[in-house]
Amino acid sequence: MYKYILEAAGNINWMALFALLTFMIVFIVSAVLILTKNTNTIKHIAELPLINDRMDDNNS
């Protein structure tokens, strides 16, 4: 049965379909992870370069 289905789907570009599905899965997973991240964690990560510069200024 699967043999006949694959023969009928001969015109489908499987590599392009695989690339599209991979991109969509990675995009959706990353969007969900970003949107469910705690806002305090995001603020802390955003300020990391600034905090490091402030520490260097105080030590000089």
PDB file of N, CA and C in Angstrom:
ATOM      1  N   MET A   1       0.818  -1.185   0.000  1.00  0.00           N
ATOM      2  CA  MET A   1       0.000   0.000   0.000  1.00  0.00           C
ATOM      3  C   MET A   1       0.871   1.261   0.000  1.00  0.00           C
ATOM      4  N   TYR A   2       1.885   1.303   0.869  1.00  0.00           N
ATOM      5  CA  TYR A   2       2.752   2.482   0.938  1.00  0.00           C
ATOM      6  C   TYR A   2       3.531   2.674  -0.363  1.00  0.00           C
ATOM      7  N   LYS A   3       3.832   1.573  -1.011  1.00  0.00           N
ATOM      8  CA  LYS A   3       4.559   1.646  -2.281  1.00  0.00           C
ATOM      9  C   LYS A   3       3.749   2.422  -3.315  1.00  0.00           C
ATOM     10  N   TYR A   4       2.464   2.183  -3.379  1.00  0.00           N
ATOM     11  CA  TYR A   4       1.606   2.863  -4.344  1.00  0.00           C
ATOM     12  C   TYR A   4       1.417   4.335  -3.978  1.00  0.00           C
ATOM     13  N   ILE A   5       1.354   4.620  -2.699  1.00  0.00           N
ATOM     14  CA  ILE A   5       1.230   6.020  -2.263  1.00  0.00           C
ATOM     15  C   ILE A   5       2.484   6.796  -2.642  1.00  0.00           C
ATOM     16  N   LEU A   6       3.650   6.205  -2.406  1.00  0.00           N
ATOM     17  CA  LEU A   6       4.899   6.882  -2.741  1.00  0.00           C
ATOM     18  C   LEU A   6       5.072   7.040  -4.247  1.00  0.00           C
ATOM     19  N   GLU A   7       4.605   6.071  -5.022  1.00  0.00           N
ATOM     20  CA  GLU A   7       4.679   6.197  -6.481  1.00  0.00           C
ATOM     21  C   GLU A   7       3.762   7.310  -6.981  1.00  0.00           C
ATOM     22  N   ALA A   8       2.610   7.464  -6.363  1.00  0.00           N
ATOM     23  CA  ALA A   8       1.671   8.506  -6.776  1.00  0.00           C
ATOM     24  C   ALA A   8       2.171   9.893  -6.376  1.00  0.00           C
ATOM     25  N   ALA A   9       3.003   9.962  -5.360  1.00  0.00           N
ATOM     26  CA  ALA A   9       3.517  11.246  -4.880  1.00  0.00           C
ATOM     27  C   ALA A   9       4.902  11.522  -5.439  1.00  0.00           C
ATOM     28  N   GLY A  10       5.170  11.056  -6.620  1.00  0.00           N
ATOM     29  CA  GLY A  10       6.492  11.206  -7.214  1.00  0.00           C
ATOM     30  C   GLY A  10       6.864  12.630  -7.562  1.00  0.00           C
ATOM     31  N   ASN A  11       5.895  13.505  -7.764  1.00  0.00           N
ATOM     32  CA  ASN A  11       6.187  14.872  -8.159  1.00  0.00           C
ATOM     33  C   ASN A  11       6.475  15.791  -6.979  1.00  0.00           C
ATOM     34  N   ILE A  12       6.363  15.300  -5.771  1.00  0.00           N
ATOM     35  CA  ILE A  12       6.600  16.123  -4.585  1.00  0.00           C
ATOM     36  C   ILE A  12       8.100  16.200  -4.331  1.00  0.00           C
ATOM     37  N   ASN A  13       8.592  17.409  -4.118  1.00  0.00           N
ATOM     38  CA  ASN A  13      10.000  17.602  -3.795  1.00  0.00           C
ATOM     39  C   ASN A  13      10.174  17.368  -2.291  1.00  0.00           C
ATOM     40  N   TRP A  14      10.627  16.181  -1.918  1.00  0.00           N
ATOM     41  CA  TRP A  14      10.696  15.791  -0.512  1.00  0.00           C
ATOM     42  C   TRP A  14      11.728  16.593   0.266  1.00  0.00           C
ATOM     43  N   MET A  15      12.822  16.984  -0.365  1.00  0.00           N
ATOM     44  CA  MET A  15      13.849  17.758   0.342  1.00  0.00           C
ATOM     45  C   MET A  15      13.325  19.142   0.713  1.00  0.00           C
ATOM     46  N   ALA A  16      12.604  19.775  -0.183  1.00  0.00           N
ATOM     47  CA  ALA A  16      12.039  21.093   0.105  1.00  0.00           C
ATOM     48  C   ALA A  16      10.972  20.994   1.191  1.00  0.00           C
ATOM     49  N   LEU A  17      10.180  19.962   1.140  1.00  0.00           N
ATOM     50  CA  LEU A  17       9.151  19.763   2.156  1.00  0.00           C
ATOM     51  C   LEU A  17       9.781  19.507   3.518  1.00  0.00           C
ATOM     52  N   PHE A  18      10.834  18.707   3.564  1.00  0.00           N
ATOM     53  CA  PHE A  18      11.535  18.440   4.815  1.00  0.00           C
ATOM     54  C   PHE A  18      12.157  19.715   5.374  1.00  0.00           C
ATOM     55  N   ALA A  19      12.752  20.545   4.521  1.00  0.00           N
ATOM     56  CA  ALA A  19      13.348  21.802   4.969  1.00  0.00           C
ATOM     57  C   ALA A  19      12.284  22.742   5.520  1.00  0.00           C
ATOM     58  N   LEU A  20      11.153  22.821   4.864  1.00  0.00           N
ATOM     59  CA  LEU A  20      10.069  23.682   5.328  1.00  0.00           C
ATOM     60  C   LEU A  20       9.530  23.213   6.672  1.00  0.00           C
ATOM     61  N   LEU A  21       9.305  21.922   6.808  1.00  0.00           N
ATOM     62  CA  LEU A  21       8.800  21.391   8.074  1.00  0.00           C
ATOM     63  C   LEU A  21       9.803  21.588   9.205  1.00  0.00           C
ATOM     64  N   THR A  22      11.083  21.390   8.927  1.00  0.00           N
ATOM     65  CA  THR A  22      12.111  21.597   9.943  1.00  0.00           C
ATOM     66  C   THR A  22      12.138  23.051  10.389  1.00  0.00           C
ATOM     67  N   PHE A  23      12.086  23.979   9.440  1.00  0.00           N
ATOM     68  CA  PHE A  23      12.072  25.398   9.777  1.00  0.00           C
ATOM     69  C   PHE A  23      10.858  25.751  10.624  1.00  0.00           C
ATOM     70  N   MET A  24       9.684  25.273  10.230  1.00  0.00           N
ATOM     71  CA  MET A  24       8.463  25.598  10.964  1.00  0.00           C
ATOM     72  C   MET A  24       8.496  25.038  12.379  1.00  0.00           C
ATOM     73  N   ILE A  25       8.991  23.827  12.548  1.00  0.00           N
ATOM     74  CA  ILE A  25       9.066  23.230  13.882  1.00  0.00           C
ATOM     75  C   ILE A  25      10.020  24.015  14.766  1.00  0.00           C
ATOM     76  N   VAL A  26      11.197  24.354  14.249  1.00  0.00           N
ATOM     77  CA  VAL A  26      12.172  25.118  15.036  1.00  0.00           C
ATOM     78  C   VAL A  26      11.615  26.499  15.370  1.00  0.00           C
ATOM     79  N   PHE A  27      10.958  27.152  14.418  1.00  0.00           N
ATOM     80  CA  PHE A  27      10.399  28.480  14.645  1.00  0.00           C
ATOM     81  C   PHE A  27       9.311  28.441  15.709  1.00  0.00           C
ATOM     82  N   ILE A  28       8.414  27.487  15.635  1.00  0.00           N
ATOM     83  CA  ILE A  28       7.312  27.401  16.593  1.00  0.00           C
ATOM     84  C   ILE A  28       7.829  27.074  17.985  1.00  0.00           C
ATOM     85  N   VAL A  29       8.767  26.141  18.082  1.00  0.00           N
ATOM     86  CA  VAL A  29       9.327  25.784  19.393  1.00  0.00           C
ATOM     87  C   VAL A  29      10.053  26.971  20.010  1.00  0.00           C
ATOM     88  N   SER A  30      10.851  27.686  19.220  1.00  0.00           N
ATOM     89  CA  SER A  30      11.566  28.840  19.765  1.00  0.00           C
ATOM     90  C   SER A  30      10.599  29.949  20.162  1.00  0.00           C
ATOM     91  N   ALA A  31       9.543  30.175  19.398  1.00  0.00           N
ATOM     92  CA  ALA A  31       8.556  31.198  19.748  1.00  0.00           C
ATOM     93  C   ALA A  31       7.851  30.844  21.050  1.00  0.00           C
ATOM     94  N   VAL A  32       7.494  29.589  21.228  1.00  0.00           N
ATOM     95  CA  VAL A  32       6.833  29.167  22.466  1.00  0.00           C
ATOM     96  C   VAL A  32       7.774  29.332  23.650  1.00  0.00           C
ATOM     97  N   LEU A  33       9.031  28.949  23.492  1.00  0.00           N
ATOM     98  CA  LEU A  33       9.985  29.088  24.587  1.00  0.00           C
ATOM     99  C   LEU A  33      10.221  30.549  24.951  1.00  0.00           C
ATOM    100  N   ILE A  34      10.287  31.416  23.970  1.00  0.00           N
ATOM    101  CA  ILE A  34      10.502  32.839  24.237  1.00  0.00           C
ATOM    102  C   ILE A  34       9.278  33.459  24.895  1.00  0.00           C
ATOM    103  N   LEU A  35       8.102  33.133  24.413  1.00  0.00           N
ATOM    104  CA  LEU A  35       6.889  33.735  24.957  1.00  0.00           C
ATOM    105  C   LEU A  35       6.548  33.225  26.352  1.00  0.00           C
ATOM    106  N   THR A  36       7.021  32.056  26.726  1.00  0.00           N
ATOM    107  CA  THR A  36       6.739  31.530  28.060  1.00  0.00           C
ATOM    108  C   THR A  36       7.863  31.817  29.051  1.00  0.00           C
ATOM    109  N   LYS A  37       8.917  32.510  28.611  1.00  0.00           N
ATOM    110  CA  LYS A  37      10.046  32.828  29.489  1.00  0.00           C
ATOM    111  C   LYS A  37       9.624  33.899  30.488  1.00  0.00           C
ATOM    112  N   ASN A  38      10.131  33.816  31.703  1.00  0.00           N
ATOM    113  CA  ASN A  38       9.846  34.778  32.754  1.00  0.00           C
ATOM    114  C   ASN A  38      10.405  36.147  32.360  1.00  0.00           C
ATOM    115  N   THR A  39       9.624  37.214  32.553  1.00  0.00           N
ATOM    116  CA  THR A  39      10.068  38.552  32.146  1.00  0.00           C
ATOM    117  C   THR A  39      11.241  39.042  32.977  1.00  0.00           C
ATOM    118  N   ASN A  40      11.340  38.631  34.230  1.00  0.00           N
ATOM    119  CA  ASN A  40      12.490  39.031  35.047  1.00  0.00           C
ATOM    120  C   ASN A  40      13.780  38.442  34.492  1.00  0.00           C
ATOM    121  N   THR A  41      13.721  37.232  34.008  1.00  0.00           N
ATOM    122  CA  THR A  41      14.894  36.600  33.408  1.00  0.00           C
ATOM    123  C   THR A  41      15.317  37.346  32.147  1.00  0.00           C
ATOM    124  N   ILE A  42      14.355  37.749  31.342  1.00  0.00           N
ATOM    125  CA  ILE A  42      14.667  38.482  30.115  1.00  0.00           C
ATOM    126  C   ILE A  42      15.291  39.832  30.444  1.00  0.00           C
ATOM    127  N   LYS A  43      14.767  40.538  31.457  1.00  0.00           N
ATOM    128  CA  LYS A  43      15.343  41.829  31.857  1.00  0.00           C
ATOM    129  C   LYS A  43      16.766  41.649  32.366  1.00  0.00           C
ATOM    130  N   HIS A  44      17.002  40.600  33.131  1.00  0.00           N
ATOM    131  CA  HIS A  44      18.349  40.338  33.650  1.00  0.00           C
ATOM    132  C   HIS A  44      19.321  40.051  32.509  1.00  0.00           C
ATOM    133  N   ILE A  45      18.904  39.256  31.559  1.00  0.00           N
ATOM    134  CA  ILE A  45      19.764  38.935  30.417  1.00  0.00           C
ATOM    135  C   ILE A  45      20.031  40.191  29.585  1.00  0.00           C
ATOM    136  N   ALA A  46      19.033  41.055  29.434  1.00  0.00           N
ATOM    137  CA  ALA A  46      19.207  42.282  28.651  1.00  0.00           C
ATOM    138  C   ALA A  46      20.197  43.232  29.312  1.00  0.00           C
ATOM    139  N   GLU A  47      20.279  43.216  30.640  1.00  0.00           N
ATOM    140  CA  GLU A  47      21.162  44.133  31.360  1.00  0.00           C
ATOM    141  C   GLU A  47      22.550  43.561  31.617  1.00  0.00           C
ATOM    142  N   LEU A  48      22.821  42.337  31.219  1.00  0.00           N
ATOM    143  CA  LEU A  48      24.121  41.729  31.511  1.00  0.00           C
ATOM    144  C   LEU A  48      25.308  42.529  30.983  1.00  0.00           C
ATOM    145  N   PRO A  49      25.320  42.986  29.742  1.00  0.00           N
ATOM    146  CA  PRO A  49      26.479  43.774  29.295  1.00  0.00           C
ATOM    147  C   PRO A  49      26.621  45.074  30.080  1.00  0.00           C
ATOM    148  N   LEU A  50      25.508  45.693  30.459  1.00  0.00           N
ATOM    149  CA  LEU A  50      25.556  46.947  31.201  1.00  0.00           C
ATOM    150  C   LEU A  50      26.060  46.723  32.618  1.00  0.00           C
ATOM    151  N   ILE A  51      25.640  45.632  33.240  1.00  0.00           N
ATOM    152  CA  ILE A  51      26.094  45.323  34.595  1.00  0.00           C
ATOM    153  C   ILE A  51      27.598  45.088  34.591  1.00  0.00           C
ATOM    154  N   ASN A  52      28.106  44.389  33.593  1.00  0.00           N
ATOM    155  CA  ASN A  52      29.531  44.115  33.498  1.00  0.00           C
ATOM    156  C   ASN A  52      30.312  45.414  33.321  1.00  0.00           C
ATOM    157  N   ASP A  53      29.807  46.357  32.508  1.00  0.00           N
ATOM    158  CA  ASP A  53      30.476  47.641  32.322  1.00  0.00           C
ATOM    159  C   ASP A  53      30.485  48.446  33.611  1.00  0.00           C
ATOM    160  N   ARG A  54      29.403  48.417  34.372  1.00  0.00           N
ATOM    161  CA  ARG A  54      29.341  49.143  35.643  1.00  0.00           C
ATOM    162  C   ARG A  54      30.361  48.573  36.626  1.00  0.00           C
ATOM    163  N   MET A  55      30.515  47.258  36.645  1.00  0.00           N
ATOM    164  CA  MET A  55      31.475  46.641  37.561  1.00  0.00           C
ATOM    165  C   MET A  55      32.899  47.028  37.177  1.00  0.00           C
ATOM    166  N   ASP A  56      33.192  47.091  35.881  1.00  0.00           N
ATOM    167  CA  ASP A  56      34.524  47.488  35.430  1.00  0.00           C
ATOM    168  C   ASP A  56      34.805  48.941  35.776  1.00  0.00           C
ATOM    169  N   ASP A  57      33.799  49.818  35.680  1.00  0.00           N
ATOM    170  CA  ASP A  57      33.978  51.228  36.009  1.00  0.00           C
ATOM    171  C   ASP A  57      34.236  51.415  37.501  1.00  0.00           C
ATOM    172  N   ASN A  58      33.589  50.624  38.339  1.00  0.00           N
ATOM    173  CA  ASN A  58      33.781  50.736  39.785  1.00  0.00           C
ATOM    174  C   ASN A  58      35.146  50.219  40.212  1.00  0.00           C
ATOM    175  N   ASN A  59      35.689  49.238  39.516  1.00  0.00           N
ATOM    176  CA  ASN A  59      36.980  48.664  39.879  1.00  0.00           C
ATOM    177  C   ASN A  59      38.145  49.504  39.383  1.00  0.00           C
ATOM    178  N   SER A  60      37.926  50.387  38.431  1.00  0.00           N
ATOM    179  CA  SER A  60      39.017  51.191  37.863  1.00  0.00           C
ATOM    180  C   SER A  60      39.346  52.382  38.717  1.00  0.00           C
TER     181      SER A  60
END
